[in-house]
Amino acid sequence: MAKILVVDDAAFMRLMLKDILTKGGHEVVGEAENGLVAIERYNNLKPDLVTMDITMPEMEGIDAVKEIRKSDPSARIVMCSAMGQQMMVVQAIQAGAKDFIVKPFQPDRVLDSVKKALG
């Protein structure tokens, strides 16, 4: 069981992910609606893993990944993207994300990705 921070600007998406993760035996220790809040929550909560949306107001997910990995190079982050954002996914992996999941979320894929990132 991992402690997970869920980051997405859409409350509905956070709720969906939270549901998948808790049913999968993980604990969602916090949520954030943008990259700036994500960095602050990451530093306070020290989760085992972060699910990070790419497109958000205030600060994009890729920038948040870079900032989090600056303060914690061992941070485990899984990116969440909508279909058709392949270039951004490549940038996210280059920024240090461990994996990515595509919306709409498939529960098995989400849990496999979390397991892989924690591996």
PDB file of N, CA and C in Angstrom:
ATOM      1  N   MET A   1       0.837  -1.198   0.000  1.00  0.00           N
ATOM      2  CA  MET A   1       0.000   0.000   0.000  1.00  0.00           C
ATOM      3  C   MET A   1       0.875   1.253   0.000  1.00  0.00           C
ATOM      4  N   ALA A   2       0.572   2.140  -0.901  1.00  0.00           N
ATOM      5  CA  ALA A   2       1.361   3.368  -1.014  1.00  0.00           C
ATOM      6  C   ALA A   2       0.535   4.582  -0.606  1.00  0.00           C
ATOM      7  N   LYS A   3       1.251   5.604  -0.120  1.00  0.00           N
ATOM      8  CA  LYS A   3       0.616   6.896   0.173  1.00  0.00           C
ATOM      9  C   LYS A   3       0.744   7.733  -1.089  1.00  0.00           C
ATOM     10  N   ILE A   4      -0.400   8.185  -1.613  1.00  0.00           N
ATOM     11  CA  ILE A   4      -0.408   8.846  -2.918  1.00  0.00           C
ATOM     12  C   ILE A   4      -1.023  10.241  -2.866  1.00  0.00           C
ATOM     13  N   LEU A   5      -0.382  11.169  -3.593  1.00  0.00           N
ATOM     14  CA  LEU A   5      -0.899  12.526  -3.772  1.00  0.00           C
ATOM     15  C   LEU A   5      -1.491  12.581  -5.180  1.00  0.00           C
ATOM     16  N   VAL A   6      -2.772  12.971  -5.282  1.00  0.00           N
ATOM     17  CA  VAL A   6      -3.466  13.036  -6.566  1.00  0.00           C
ATOM     18  C   VAL A   6      -3.556  14.499  -7.009  1.00  0.00           C
ATOM     19  N   VAL A   7      -3.010  14.789  -8.198  1.00  0.00           N
ATOM     20  CA  VAL A   7      -2.983  16.159  -8.700  1.00  0.00           C
ATOM     21  C   VAL A   7      -3.727  16.257 -10.037  1.00  0.00           C
ATOM     22  N   ASP A   8      -4.800  17.027 -10.050  1.00  0.00           N
ATOM     23  CA  ASP A   8      -5.568  17.271 -11.275  1.00  0.00           C
ATOM     24  C   ASP A   8      -6.421  18.501 -11.036  1.00  0.00           C
ATOM     25  N   ASP A   9      -6.580  19.346 -12.050  1.00  0.00           N
ATOM     26  CA  ASP A   9      -7.391  20.548 -11.863  1.00  0.00           C
ATOM     27  C   ASP A   9      -8.883  20.233 -11.849  1.00  0.00           C
ATOM     28  N   ALA A  10      -9.275  19.056 -12.334  1.00  0.00           N
ATOM     29  CA  ALA A  10     -10.697  18.673 -12.332  1.00  0.00           C
ATOM     30  C   ALA A  10     -11.008  17.810 -11.113  1.00  0.00           C
ATOM     31  N   ALA A  11     -11.886  18.317 -10.259  1.00  0.00           N
ATOM     32  CA  ALA A  11     -12.267  17.584  -9.045  1.00  0.00           C
ATOM     33  C   ALA A  11     -12.809  16.199  -9.391  1.00  0.00           C
ATOM     34  N   PHE A  12     -13.542  16.101 -10.486  1.00  0.00           N
ATOM     35  CA  PHE A  12     -14.115  14.828 -10.916  1.00  0.00           C
ATOM     36  C   PHE A  12     -13.020  13.797 -11.211  1.00  0.00           C
ATOM     37  N   MET A  13     -11.952  14.237 -11.875  1.00  0.00           N
ATOM     38  CA  MET A  13     -10.836  13.337 -12.186  1.00  0.00           C
ATOM     39  C   MET A  13     -10.119  12.900 -10.910  1.00  0.00           C
ATOM     40  N   ARG A  14      -9.953  13.825  -9.972  1.00  0.00           N
ATOM     41  CA  ARG A  14      -9.320  13.469  -8.693  1.00  0.00           C
ATOM     42  C   ARG A  14     -10.158  12.413  -7.979  1.00  0.00           C
ATOM     43  N   LEU A  15     -11.467  12.607  -8.014  1.00  0.00           N
ATOM     44  CA  LEU A  15     -12.383  11.667  -7.365  1.00  0.00           C
ATOM     45  C   LEU A  15     -12.291  10.282  -8.012  1.00  0.00           C
ATOM     46  N   MET A  16     -12.260  10.244  -9.329  1.00  0.00           N
ATOM     47  CA  MET A  16     -12.145   8.962 -10.040  1.00  0.00           C
ATOM     48  C   MET A  16     -10.851   8.245  -9.685  1.00  0.00           C
ATOM     49  N   LEU A  17      -9.750   8.985  -9.711  1.00  0.00           N
ATOM     50  CA  LEU A  17      -8.449   8.387  -9.383  1.00  0.00           C
ATOM     51  C   LEU A  17      -8.413   7.906  -7.941  1.00  0.00           C
ATOM     52  N   LYS A  18      -8.932   8.732  -7.052  1.00  0.00           N
ATOM     53  CA  LYS A  18      -8.969   8.399  -5.625  1.00  0.00           C
ATOM     54  C   LYS A  18      -9.714   7.080  -5.412  1.00  0.00           C
ATOM     55  N   ASP A  19     -10.831   6.942  -6.105  1.00  0.00           N
ATOM     56  CA  ASP A  19     -11.654   5.735  -6.018  1.00  0.00           C
ATOM     57  C   ASP A  19     -10.874   4.505  -6.500  1.00  0.00           C
ATOM     58  N   ILE A  20     -10.235   4.627  -7.656  1.00  0.00           N
ATOM     59  CA  ILE A  20      -9.452   3.513  -8.216  1.00  0.00           C
ATOM     60  C   ILE A  20      -8.321   3.129  -7.263  1.00  0.00           C
ATOM     61  N   LEU A  21      -7.601   4.141  -6.769  1.00  0.00           N
ATOM     62  CA  LEU A  21      -6.442   3.887  -5.907  1.00  0.00           C
ATOM     63  C   LEU A  21      -6.825   3.277  -4.560  1.00  0.00           C
ATOM     64  N   THR A  22      -7.888   3.794  -3.938  1.00  0.00           N
ATOM     65  CA  THR A  22      -8.287   3.249  -2.630  1.00  0.00           C
ATOM     66  C   THR A  22      -8.831   1.831  -2.774  1.00  0.00           C
ATOM     67  N   LYS A  23      -9.571   1.575  -3.860  1.00  0.00           N
ATOM     68  CA  LYS A  23     -10.057   0.206  -4.104  1.00  0.00           C
ATOM     69  C   LYS A  23      -8.891  -0.733  -4.370  1.00  0.00           C
ATOM     70  N   GLY A  24      -7.787  -0.173  -4.887  1.00  0.00           N
ATOM     71  CA  GLY A  24      -6.582  -0.963  -5.161  1.00  0.00           C
ATOM     72  C   GLY A  24      -5.707  -1.141  -3.932  1.00  0.00           C
ATOM     73  N   GLY A  25      -6.162  -0.635  -2.786  1.00  0.00           N
ATOM     74  CA  GLY A  25      -5.430  -0.832  -1.539  1.00  0.00           C
ATOM     75  C   GLY A  25      -4.461   0.277  -1.168  1.00  0.00           C
ATOM     76  N   HIS A  26      -4.498   1.387  -1.895  1.00  0.00           N
ATOM     77  CA  HIS A  26      -3.597   2.501  -1.597  1.00  0.00           C
ATOM     78  C   HIS A  26      -4.316   3.562  -0.769  1.00  0.00           C
ATOM     79  N   GLU A  27      -3.531   4.448  -0.186  1.00  0.00           N
ATOM     80  CA  GLU A  27      -4.094   5.536   0.613  1.00  0.00           C
ATOM     81  C   GLU A  27      -3.813   6.866  -0.077  1.00  0.00           C
ATOM     82  N   VAL A  28      -4.886   7.618  -0.366  1.00  0.00           N
ATOM     83  CA  VAL A  28      -4.705   8.941  -0.956  1.00  0.00           C
ATOM     84  C   VAL A  28      -4.540   9.917   0.208  1.00  0.00           C
ATOM     85  N   VAL A  29      -3.312  10.430   0.374  1.00  0.00           N
ATOM     86  CA  VAL A  29      -3.014  11.288   1.524  1.00  0.00           C
ATOM     87  C   VAL A  29      -3.265  12.759   1.254  1.00  0.00           C
ATOM     88  N   GLY A  30      -3.459  13.105  -0.029  1.00  0.00           N
ATOM     89  CA  GLY A  30      -3.715  14.501  -0.344  1.00  0.00           C
ATOM     90  C   GLY A  30      -4.103  14.686  -1.796  1.00  0.00           C
ATOM     91  N   GLU A  31      -4.633  15.878  -2.073  1.00  0.00           N
ATOM     92  CA  GLU A  31      -5.021  16.237  -3.430  1.00  0.00           C
ATOM     93  C   GLU A  31      -4.533  17.655  -3.701  1.00  0.00           C
ATOM     94  N   ALA A  32      -4.319  17.956  -4.983  1.00  0.00           N
ATOM     95  CA  ALA A  32      -3.938  19.309  -5.379  1.00  0.00           C
ATOM     96  C   ALA A  32      -4.574  19.604  -6.720  1.00  0.00           C
ATOM     97  N   GLU A  33      -4.949  20.897  -6.906  1.00  0.00           N
ATOM     98  CA  GLU A  33      -5.640  21.284  -8.137  1.00  0.00           C
ATOM     99  C   GLU A  33      -4.728  21.950  -9.159  1.00  0.00           C
ATOM    100  N   ASN A  34      -3.454  22.165  -8.807  1.00  0.00           N
ATOM    101  CA  ASN A  34      -2.500  22.698  -9.778  1.00  0.00           C
ATOM    102  C   ASN A  34      -1.072  22.382  -9.324  1.00  0.00           C
ATOM    103  N   GLY A  35      -0.124  22.699 -10.207  1.00  0.00           N
ATOM    104  CA  GLY A  35       1.269  22.378  -9.928  1.00  0.00           C
ATOM    105  C   GLY A  35       1.857  23.059  -8.708  1.00  0.00           C
ATOM    106  N   LEU A  36       1.481  24.309  -8.474  1.00  0.00           N
ATOM    107  CA  LEU A  36       2.010  25.037  -7.305  1.00  0.00           C
ATOM    108  C   LEU A  36       1.571  24.382  -6.002  1.00  0.00           C
ATOM    109  N   VAL A  37       0.289  24.049  -5.929  1.00  0.00           N
ATOM    110  CA  VAL A  37      -0.239  23.390  -4.725  1.00  0.00           C
ATOM    111  C   VAL A  37       0.392  22.000  -4.592  1.00  0.00           C
ATOM    112  N   ALA A  38       0.604  21.331  -5.724  1.00  0.00           N
ATOM    113  CA  ALA A  38       1.203  19.989  -5.713  1.00  0.00           C
ATOM    114  C   ALA A  38       2.584  19.997  -5.072  1.00  0.00           C
ATOM    115  N   ILE A  39       3.406  20.992  -5.414  1.00  0.00           N
ATOM    116  CA  ILE A  39       4.767  21.083  -4.856  1.00  0.00           C
ATOM    117  C   ILE A  39       4.701  21.267  -3.340  1.00  0.00           C
ATOM    118  N   GLU A  40       3.842  22.182  -2.918  1.00  0.00           N
ATOM    119  CA  GLU A  40       3.675  22.447  -1.486  1.00  0.00           C
ATOM    120  C   GLU A  40       3.188  21.193  -0.744  1.00  0.00           C
ATOM    121  N   ARG A  41       2.171  20.538  -1.295  1.00  0.00           N
ATOM    122  CA  ARG A  41       1.638  19.331  -0.647  1.00  0.00           C
ATOM    123  C   ARG A  41       2.662  18.204  -0.641  1.00  0.00           C
ATOM    124  N   TYR A  42       3.421  18.087  -1.726  1.00  0.00           N
ATOM    125  CA  TYR A  42       4.449  17.039  -1.793  1.00  0.00           C
ATOM    126  C   TYR A  42       5.452  17.231  -0.660  1.00  0.00           C
ATOM    127  N   ASN A  43       5.919  18.456  -0.495  1.00  0.00           N
ATOM    128  CA  ASN A  43       6.908  18.739   0.547  1.00  0.00           C
ATOM    129  C   ASN A  43       6.366  18.523   1.950  1.00  0.00           C
ATOM    130  N   ASN A  44       5.069  18.789   2.149  1.00  0.00           N
ATOM    131  CA  ASN A  44       4.461  18.593   3.474  1.00  0.00           C
ATOM    132  C   ASN A  44       4.107  17.142   3.759  1.00  0.00           C
ATOM    133  N   LEU A  45       3.581  16.447   2.747  1.00  0.00           N
ATOM    134  CA  LEU A  45       3.052  15.097   2.954  1.00  0.00           C
ATOM    135  C   LEU A  45       4.062  13.979   2.705  1.00  0.00           C
ATOM    136  N   LYS A  46       5.079  14.259   1.892  1.00  0.00           N
ATOM    137  CA  LYS A  46       6.077  13.244   1.518  1.00  0.00           C
ATOM    138  C   LYS A  46       5.422  11.934   1.083  1.00  0.00           C
ATOM    139  N   PRO A  47       4.569  11.988   0.049  1.00  0.00           N
ATOM    140  CA  PRO A  47       3.901  10.754  -0.397  1.00  0.00           C
ATOM    141  C   PRO A  47       4.877   9.802  -1.083  1.00  0.00           C
ATOM    142  N   ASP A  48       4.469   8.533  -1.206  1.00  0.00           N
ATOM    143  CA  ASP A  48       5.300   7.543  -1.902  1.00  0.00           C
ATOM    144  C   ASP A  48       5.234   7.757  -3.411  1.00  0.00           C
ATOM    145  N   LEU A  49       4.116   8.352  -3.865  1.00  0.00           N
ATOM    146  CA  LEU A  49       3.894   8.499  -5.288  1.00  0.00           C
ATOM    147  C   LEU A  49       2.947   9.662  -5.559  1.00  0.00           C
ATOM    148  N   VAL A  50       3.091  10.278  -6.739  1.00  0.00           N
ATOM    149  CA  VAL A  50       2.205  11.371  -7.156  1.00  0.00           C
ATOM    150  C   VAL A  50       1.607  11.006  -8.508  1.00  0.00           C
ATOM    151  N   THR A  51       0.287  11.205  -8.661  1.00  0.00           N
ATOM    152  CA  THR A  51      -0.303  11.141 -10.003  1.00  0.00           C
ATOM    153  C   THR A  51      -0.466  12.603 -10.400  1.00  0.00           C
ATOM    154  N   MET A  52       0.087  12.971 -11.547  1.00  0.00           N
ATOM    155  CA  MET A  52       0.162  14.381 -11.943  1.00  0.00           C
ATOM    156  C   MET A  52      -0.472  14.618 -13.306  1.00  0.00           C
ATOM    157  N   ASP A  53      -1.489  15.475 -13.336  1.00  0.00           N
ATOM    158  CA  ASP A  53      -2.099  15.873 -14.595  1.00  0.00           C
ATOM    159  C   ASP A  53      -1.091  16.752 -15.336  1.00  0.00           C
ATOM    160  N   ILE A  54      -1.164  16.770 -16.668  1.00  0.00           N
ATOM    161  CA  ILE A  54      -0.229  17.597 -17.430  1.00  0.00           C
ATOM    162  C   ILE A  54      -0.724  19.030 -17.569  1.00  0.00           C
ATOM    163  N   THR A  55      -1.963  19.188 -18.014  1.00  0.00           N
ATOM    164  CA  THR A  55      -2.481  20.523 -18.305  1.00  0.00           C
ATOM    165  C   THR A  55      -3.285  21.069 -17.128  1.00  0.00           C
ATOM    166  N   MET A  56      -2.747  22.099 -16.467  1.00  0.00           N
ATOM    167  CA  MET A  56      -3.411  22.695 -15.300  1.00  0.00           C
ATOM    168  C   MET A  56      -3.144  24.194 -15.263  1.00  0.00           C
ATOM    169  N   PRO A  57      -4.024  24.952 -14.587  1.00  0.00           N
ATOM    170  CA  PRO A  57      -3.765  26.390 -14.420  1.00  0.00           C
ATOM    171  C   PRO A  57      -2.642  26.617 -13.395  1.00  0.00           C
ATOM    172  N   GLU A  58      -2.196  27.836 -13.271  1.00  0.00           N
ATOM    173  CA  GLU A  58      -1.140  28.234 -12.319  1.00  0.00           C
ATOM    174  C   GLU A  58       0.232  27.683 -12.699  1.00  0.00           C
ATOM    175  N   MET A  59       0.352  26.355 -12.720  1.00  0.00           N
ATOM    176  CA  MET A  59       1.612  25.718 -13.104  1.00  0.00           C
ATOM    177  C   MET A  59       1.306  24.378 -13.736  1.00  0.00           C
ATOM    178  N   GLU A  60       1.874  24.149 -14.924  1.00  0.00           N
ATOM    179  CA  GLU A  60       1.680  22.887 -15.645  1.00  0.00           C
ATOM    180  C   GLU A  60       2.315  21.722 -14.884  1.00  0.00           C
ATOM    181  N   GLY A  61       1.820  20.528 -15.173  1.00  0.00           N
ATOM    182  CA  GLY A  61       2.325  19.323 -14.527  1.00  0.00           C
ATOM    183  C   GLY A  61       3.799  19.061 -14.759  1.00  0.00           C
ATOM    184  N   ILE A  62       4.267  19.309 -15.990  1.00  0.00           N
ATOM    185  CA  ILE A  62       5.678  19.043 -16.298  1.00  0.00           C
ATOM    186  C   ILE A  62       6.602  19.944 -15.475  1.00  0.00           C
ATOM    187  N   ASP A  63       6.211  21.213 -15.324  1.00  0.00           N
ATOM    188  CA  ASP A  63       7.018  22.125 -14.495  1.00  0.00           C
ATOM    189  C   ASP A  63       7.002  21.681 -13.034  1.00  0.00           C
ATOM    190  N   ALA A  64       5.853  21.208 -12.579  1.00  0.00           N
ATOM    191  CA  ALA A  64       5.739  20.738 -11.194  1.00  0.00           C
ATOM    192  C   ALA A  64       6.621  19.501 -10.974  1.00  0.00           C
ATOM    193  N   VAL A  65       6.676  18.614 -11.967  1.00  0.00           N
ATOM    194  CA  VAL A  65       7.537  17.423 -11.869  1.00  0.00           C
ATOM    195  C   VAL A  65       8.992  17.859 -11.706  1.00  0.00           C
ATOM    196  N   LYS A  66       9.413  18.811 -12.524  1.00  0.00           N
ATOM    197  CA  LYS A  66      10.804  19.293 -12.447  1.00  0.00           C
ATOM    198  C   LYS A  66      11.107  19.871 -11.071  1.00  0.00           C
ATOM    199  N   GLU A  67      10.182  20.672 -10.544  1.00  0.00           N
ATOM    200  CA  GLU A  67      10.385  21.296  -9.226  1.00  0.00           C
ATOM    201  C   GLU A  67      10.447  20.254  -8.116  1.00  0.00           C
ATOM    202  N   ILE A  68       9.516  19.292  -8.155  1.00  0.00           N
ATOM    203  CA  ILE A  68       9.481  18.247  -7.127  1.00  0.00           C
ATOM    204  C   ILE A  68      10.767  17.423  -7.186  1.00  0.00           C
ATOM    205  N   ARG A  69      11.204  17.079  -8.401  1.00  0.00           N
ATOM    206  CA  ARG A  69      12.412  16.260  -8.534  1.00  0.00           C
ATOM    207  C   ARG A  69      13.681  17.026  -8.171  1.00  0.00           C
ATOM    208  N   LYS A  70      13.619  18.359  -8.230  1.00  0.00           N
ATOM    209  CA  LYS A  70      14.760  19.169  -7.783  1.00  0.00           C
ATOM    210  C   LYS A  70      14.954  19.000  -6.281  1.00  0.00           C
ATOM    211  N   SER A  71      13.849  19.039  -5.539  1.00  0.00           N
ATOM    212  CA  SER A  71      13.949  18.914  -4.078  1.00  0.00           C
ATOM    213  C   SER A  71      14.030  17.457  -3.627  1.00  0.00           C
ATOM    214  N   ASP A  72      13.520  16.528  -4.449  1.00  0.00           N
ATOM    215  CA  ASP A  72      13.557  15.102  -4.104  1.00  0.00           C
ATOM    216  C   ASP A  72      13.780  14.293  -5.383  1.00  0.00           C
ATOM    217  N   PRO A  73      15.055  14.048  -5.729  1.00  0.00           N
ATOM    218  CA  PRO A  73      15.371  13.328  -6.968  1.00  0.00           C
ATOM    219  C   PRO A  73      14.766  11.918  -7.032  1.00  0.00           C
ATOM    220  N   SER A  74      14.416  11.360  -5.887  1.00  0.00           N
ATOM    221  CA  SER A  74      13.850  10.000  -5.893  1.00  0.00           C
ATOM    222  C   SER A  74      12.320  10.002  -5.970  1.00  0.00           C
ATOM    223  N   ALA A  75      11.713  11.172  -6.158  1.00  0.00           N
ATOM    224  CA  ALA A  75      10.248  11.265  -6.236  1.00  0.00           C
ATOM    225  C   ALA A  75       9.708  10.369  -7.338  1.00  0.00           C
ATOM    226  N   ARG A  76       8.625   9.678  -7.027  1.00  0.00           N
ATOM    227  CA  ARG A  76       7.983   8.808  -8.015  1.00  0.00           C
ATOM    228  C   ARG A  76       6.712   9.491  -8.495  1.00  0.00           C
ATOM    229  N   ILE A  77       6.656   9.778  -9.790  1.00  0.00           N
ATOM    230  CA  ILE A  77       5.524  10.520 -10.346  1.00  0.00           C
ATOM    231  C   ILE A  77       5.000   9.814 -11.587  1.00  0.00           C
ATOM    232  N   VAL A  78       3.682   9.646 -11.642  1.00  0.00           N
ATOM    233  CA  VAL A  78       3.019   9.069 -12.808  1.00  0.00           C
ATOM    234  C   VAL A  78       2.192  10.190 -13.429  1.00  0.00           C
ATOM    235  N   MET A  79       2.414  10.459 -14.707  1.00  0.00           N
ATOM    236  CA  MET A  79       1.678  11.519 -15.396  1.00  0.00           C
ATOM    237  C   MET A  79       0.326  11.013 -15.883  1.00  0.00           C
ATOM    238  N   CYS A  80      -0.639  11.934 -15.902  1.00  0.00           N
ATOM    239  CA  CYS A  80      -1.965  11.631 -16.423  1.00  0.00           C
ATOM    240  C   CYS A  80      -2.189  12.569 -17.601  1.00  0.00           C
ATOM    241  N   SER A  81      -2.558  12.014 -18.753  1.00  0.00           N
ATOM    242  CA  SER A  81      -2.781  12.881 -19.897  1.00  0.00           C
ATOM    243  C   SER A  81      -4.025  12.468 -20.661  1.00  0.00           C
ATOM    244  N   ALA A  82      -4.594  13.438 -21.356  1.00  0.00           N
ATOM    245  CA  ALA A  82      -5.713  13.149 -22.240  1.00  0.00           C
ATOM    246  C   ALA A  82      -5.128  12.586 -23.531  1.00  0.00           C
ATOM    247  N   MET A  83      -5.947  11.948 -24.318  1.00  0.00           N
ATOM    248  CA  MET A  83      -5.509  11.412 -25.601  1.00  0.00           C
ATOM    249  C   MET A  83      -4.888  12.531 -26.436  1.00  0.00           C
ATOM    250  N   GLY A  84      -3.906  12.188 -27.252  1.00  0.00           N
ATOM    251  CA  GLY A  84      -3.337  13.163 -28.160  1.00  0.00           C
ATOM    252  C   GLY A  84      -2.306  14.095 -27.553  1.00  0.00           C
ATOM    253  N   GLN A  85      -1.798  13.774 -26.376  1.00  0.00           N
ATOM    254  CA  GLN A  85      -0.773  14.620 -25.756  1.00  0.00           C
ATOM    255  C   GLN A  85       0.574  13.899 -25.729  1.00  0.00           C
ATOM    256  N   GLN A  86       0.840  13.085 -26.764  1.00  0.00           N
ATOM    257  CA  GLN A  86       2.057  12.264 -26.768  1.00  0.00           C
ATOM    258  C   GLN A  86       3.336  13.064 -26.589  1.00  0.00           C
ATOM    259  N   MET A  87       3.436  14.236 -27.233  1.00  0.00           N
ATOM    260  CA  MET A  87       4.647  15.054 -27.093  1.00  0.00           C
ATOM    261  C   MET A  87       4.854  15.472 -25.643  1.00  0.00           C
ATOM    262  N   MET A  88       3.749  15.824 -24.983  1.00  0.00           N
ATOM    263  CA  MET A  88       3.851  16.224 -23.580  1.00  0.00           C
ATOM    264  C   MET A  88       4.251  15.043 -22.707  1.00  0.00           C
ATOM    265  N   VAL A  89       3.785  13.861 -23.056  1.00  0.00           N
ATOM    266  CA  VAL A  89       4.143  12.665 -22.289  1.00  0.00           C
ATOM    267  C   VAL A  89       5.652  12.440 -22.382  1.00  0.00           C
ATOM    268  N   VAL A  90       6.205  12.604 -23.575  1.00  0.00           N
ATOM    269  CA  VAL A  90       7.653  12.451 -23.768  1.00  0.00           C
ATOM    270  C   VAL A  90       8.395  13.472 -22.897  1.00  0.00           C
ATOM    271  N   GLN A  91       7.924  14.715 -22.904  1.00  0.00           N
ATOM    272  CA  GLN A  91       8.547  15.754 -22.067  1.00  0.00           C
ATOM    273  C   GLN A  91       8.449  15.389 -20.585  1.00  0.00           C
ATOM    274  N   ALA A  92       7.309  14.818 -20.192  1.00  0.00           N
ATOM    275  CA  ALA A  92       7.107  14.438 -18.786  1.00  0.00           C
ATOM    276  C   ALA A  92       8.090  13.351 -18.366  1.00  0.00           C
ATOM    277  N   ILE A  93       8.282  12.366 -19.231  1.00  0.00           N
ATOM    278  CA  ILE A  93       9.221  11.279 -18.928  1.00  0.00           C
ATOM    279  C   ILE A  93      10.643  11.850 -18.848  1.00  0.00           C
ATOM    280  N   GLN A  94      10.972  12.753 -19.753  1.00  0.00           N
ATOM    281  CA  GLN A  94      12.290  13.395 -19.724  1.00  0.00           C
ATOM    282  C   GLN A  94      12.467  14.222 -18.454  1.00  0.00           C
ATOM    283  N   ALA A  95      11.380  14.781 -17.952  1.00  0.00           N
ATOM    284  CA  ALA A  95      11.440  15.592 -16.731  1.00  0.00           C
ATOM    285  C   ALA A  95      11.573  14.725 -15.482  1.00  0.00           C
ATOM    286  N   GLY A  96      11.350  13.418 -15.638  1.00  0.00           N
ATOM    287  CA  GLY A  96      11.535  12.521 -14.498  1.00  0.00           C
ATOM    288  C   GLY A  96      10.332  11.696 -14.100  1.00  0.00           C
ATOM    289  N   ALA A  97       9.232  11.781 -14.845  1.00  0.00           N
ATOM    290  CA  ALA A  97       8.069  10.946 -14.525  1.00  0.00           C
ATOM    291  C   ALA A  97       8.413   9.485 -14.800  1.00  0.00           C
ATOM    292  N   LYS A  98       7.860   8.588 -14.012  1.00  0.00           N
ATOM    293  CA  LYS A  98       8.158   7.157 -14.144  1.00  0.00           C
ATOM    294  C   LYS A  98       7.286   6.477 -15.198  1.00  0.00           C
ATOM    295  N   ASP A  99       6.075   6.986 -15.398  1.00  0.00           N
ATOM    296  CA  ASP A  99       5.135   6.348 -16.309  1.00  0.00           C
ATOM    297  C   ASP A  99       4.023   7.339 -16.605  1.00  0.00           C
ATOM    298  N   PHE A 100       3.080   6.947 -17.448  1.00  0.00           N
ATOM    299  CA  PHE A 100       1.940   7.807 -17.698  1.00  0.00           C
ATOM    300  C   PHE A 100       0.682   6.970 -17.914  1.00  0.00           C
ATOM    301  N   ILE A 101      -0.443   7.544 -17.552  1.00  0.00           N
ATOM    302  CA  ILE A 101      -1.730   6.907 -17.779  1.00  0.00           C
ATOM    303  C   ILE A 101      -2.594   7.876 -18.570  1.00  0.00           C
ATOM    304  N   VAL A 102      -3.455   7.331 -19.406  1.00  0.00           N
ATOM    305  CA  VAL A 102      -4.259   8.146 -20.298  1.00  0.00           C
ATOM    306  C   VAL A 102      -5.713   8.192 -19.828  1.00  0.00           C
ATOM    307  N   LYS A 103      -6.279   9.391 -19.914  1.00  0.00           N
ATOM    308  CA  LYS A 103      -7.697   9.562 -19.588  1.00  0.00           C
ATOM    309  C   LYS A 103      -8.518   9.153 -20.807  1.00  0.00           C
ATOM    310  N   PRO A 104      -9.686   8.583 -20.662  1.00  0.00           N
ATOM    311  CA  PRO A 104     -10.332   8.197 -19.404  1.00  0.00           C
ATOM    312  C   PRO A 104      -9.587   7.035 -18.740  1.00  0.00           C
ATOM    313  N   PHE A 105      -9.522   7.050 -17.429  1.00  0.00           N
ATOM    314  CA  PHE A 105      -8.739   6.071 -16.684  1.00  0.00           C
ATOM    315  C   PHE A 105      -9.327   4.665 -16.733  1.00  0.00           C
ATOM    316  N   GLN A 106      -8.438   3.701 -16.980  1.00  0.00           N
ATOM    317  CA  GLN A 106      -8.799   2.287 -16.883  1.00  0.00           C
ATOM    318  C   GLN A 106      -8.213   1.817 -15.552  1.00  0.00           C
ATOM    319  N   PRO A 107      -9.066   1.371 -14.613  1.00  0.00           N
ATOM    320  CA  PRO A 107      -8.559   0.986 -13.281  1.00  0.00           C
ATOM    321  C   PRO A 107      -7.348   0.063 -13.288  1.00  0.00           C
ATOM    322  N   ASP A 108      -7.356  -0.985 -14.125  1.00  0.00           N
ATOM    323  CA  ASP A 108      -6.224  -1.918 -14.150  1.00  0.00           C
ATOM    324  C   ASP A 108      -4.939  -1.231 -14.595  1.00  0.00           C
ATOM    325  N   ARG A 109      -5.057  -0.365 -15.587  1.00  0.00           N
ATOM    326  CA  ARG A 109      -3.884   0.348 -16.106  1.00  0.00           C
ATOM    327  C   ARG A 109      -3.327   1.301 -15.045  1.00  0.00           C
ATOM    328  N   VAL A 110      -4.215   1.974 -14.320  1.00  0.00           N
ATOM    329  CA  VAL A 110      -3.786   2.904 -13.261  1.00  0.00           C
ATOM    330  C   VAL A 110      -3.011   2.132 -12.199  1.00  0.00           C
ATOM    331  N   LEU A 111      -3.565   1.016 -11.741  1.00  0.00           N
ATOM    332  CA  LEU A 111      -2.916   0.244 -10.675  1.00  0.00           C
ATOM    333  C   LEU A 111      -1.606  -0.401 -11.149  1.00  0.00           C
ATOM    334  N   ASP A 112      -1.563  -0.840 -12.411  1.00  0.00           N
ATOM    335  CA  ASP A 112      -0.312  -1.395 -12.957  1.00  0.00           C
ATOM    336  C   ASP A 112       0.771  -0.330 -13.004  1.00  0.00           C
ATOM    337  N   SER A 113       0.378   0.875 -13.413  1.00  0.00           N
ATOM    338  CA  SER A 113       1.323   1.975 -13.533  1.00  0.00           C
ATOM    339  C   SER A 113       1.886   2.363 -12.159  1.00  0.00           C
ATOM    340  N   VAL A 114       1.011   2.399 -11.164  1.00  0.00           N
ATOM    341  CA  VAL A 114       1.437   2.714  -9.785  1.00  0.00           C
ATOM    342  C   VAL A 114       2.418   1.661  -9.297  1.00  0.00           C
ATOM    343  N   LYS A 115       2.085   0.401  -9.542  1.00  0.00           N
ATOM    344  CA  LYS A 115       2.943  -0.710  -9.116  1.00  0.00           C
ATOM    345  C   LYS A 115       4.313  -0.602  -9.786  1.00  0.00           C
ATOM    346  N   LYS A 116       4.310  -0.325 -11.090  1.00  0.00           N
ATOM    347  CA  LYS A 116       5.547  -0.185 -11.862  1.00  0.00           C
ATOM    348  C   LYS A 116       6.401   0.966 -11.309  1.00  0.00           C
ATOM    349  N   ALA A 117       5.765   2.102 -11.049  1.00  0.00           N
ATOM    350  CA  ALA A 117       6.487   3.273 -10.550  1.00  0.00           C
ATOM    351  C   ALA A 117       7.067   3.035  -9.157  1.00  0.00           C
ATOM    352  N   LEU A 118       6.367   2.272  -8.343  1.00  0.00           N
ATOM    353  CA  LEU A 118       6.838   1.991  -6.985  1.00  0.00           C
ATOM    354  C   LEU A 118       7.937   0.930  -6.992  1.00  0.00           C
ATOM    355  N   GLY A 119       7.915   0.094  -8.052  1.00  0.00           N
ATOM    356  CA  GLY A 119       8.838  -1.043  -8.196  1.00  0.00           C
ATOM    357  C   GLY A 119      10.231  -0.711  -7.859  1.00  0.00           C
TER     358      GLY A 119
END
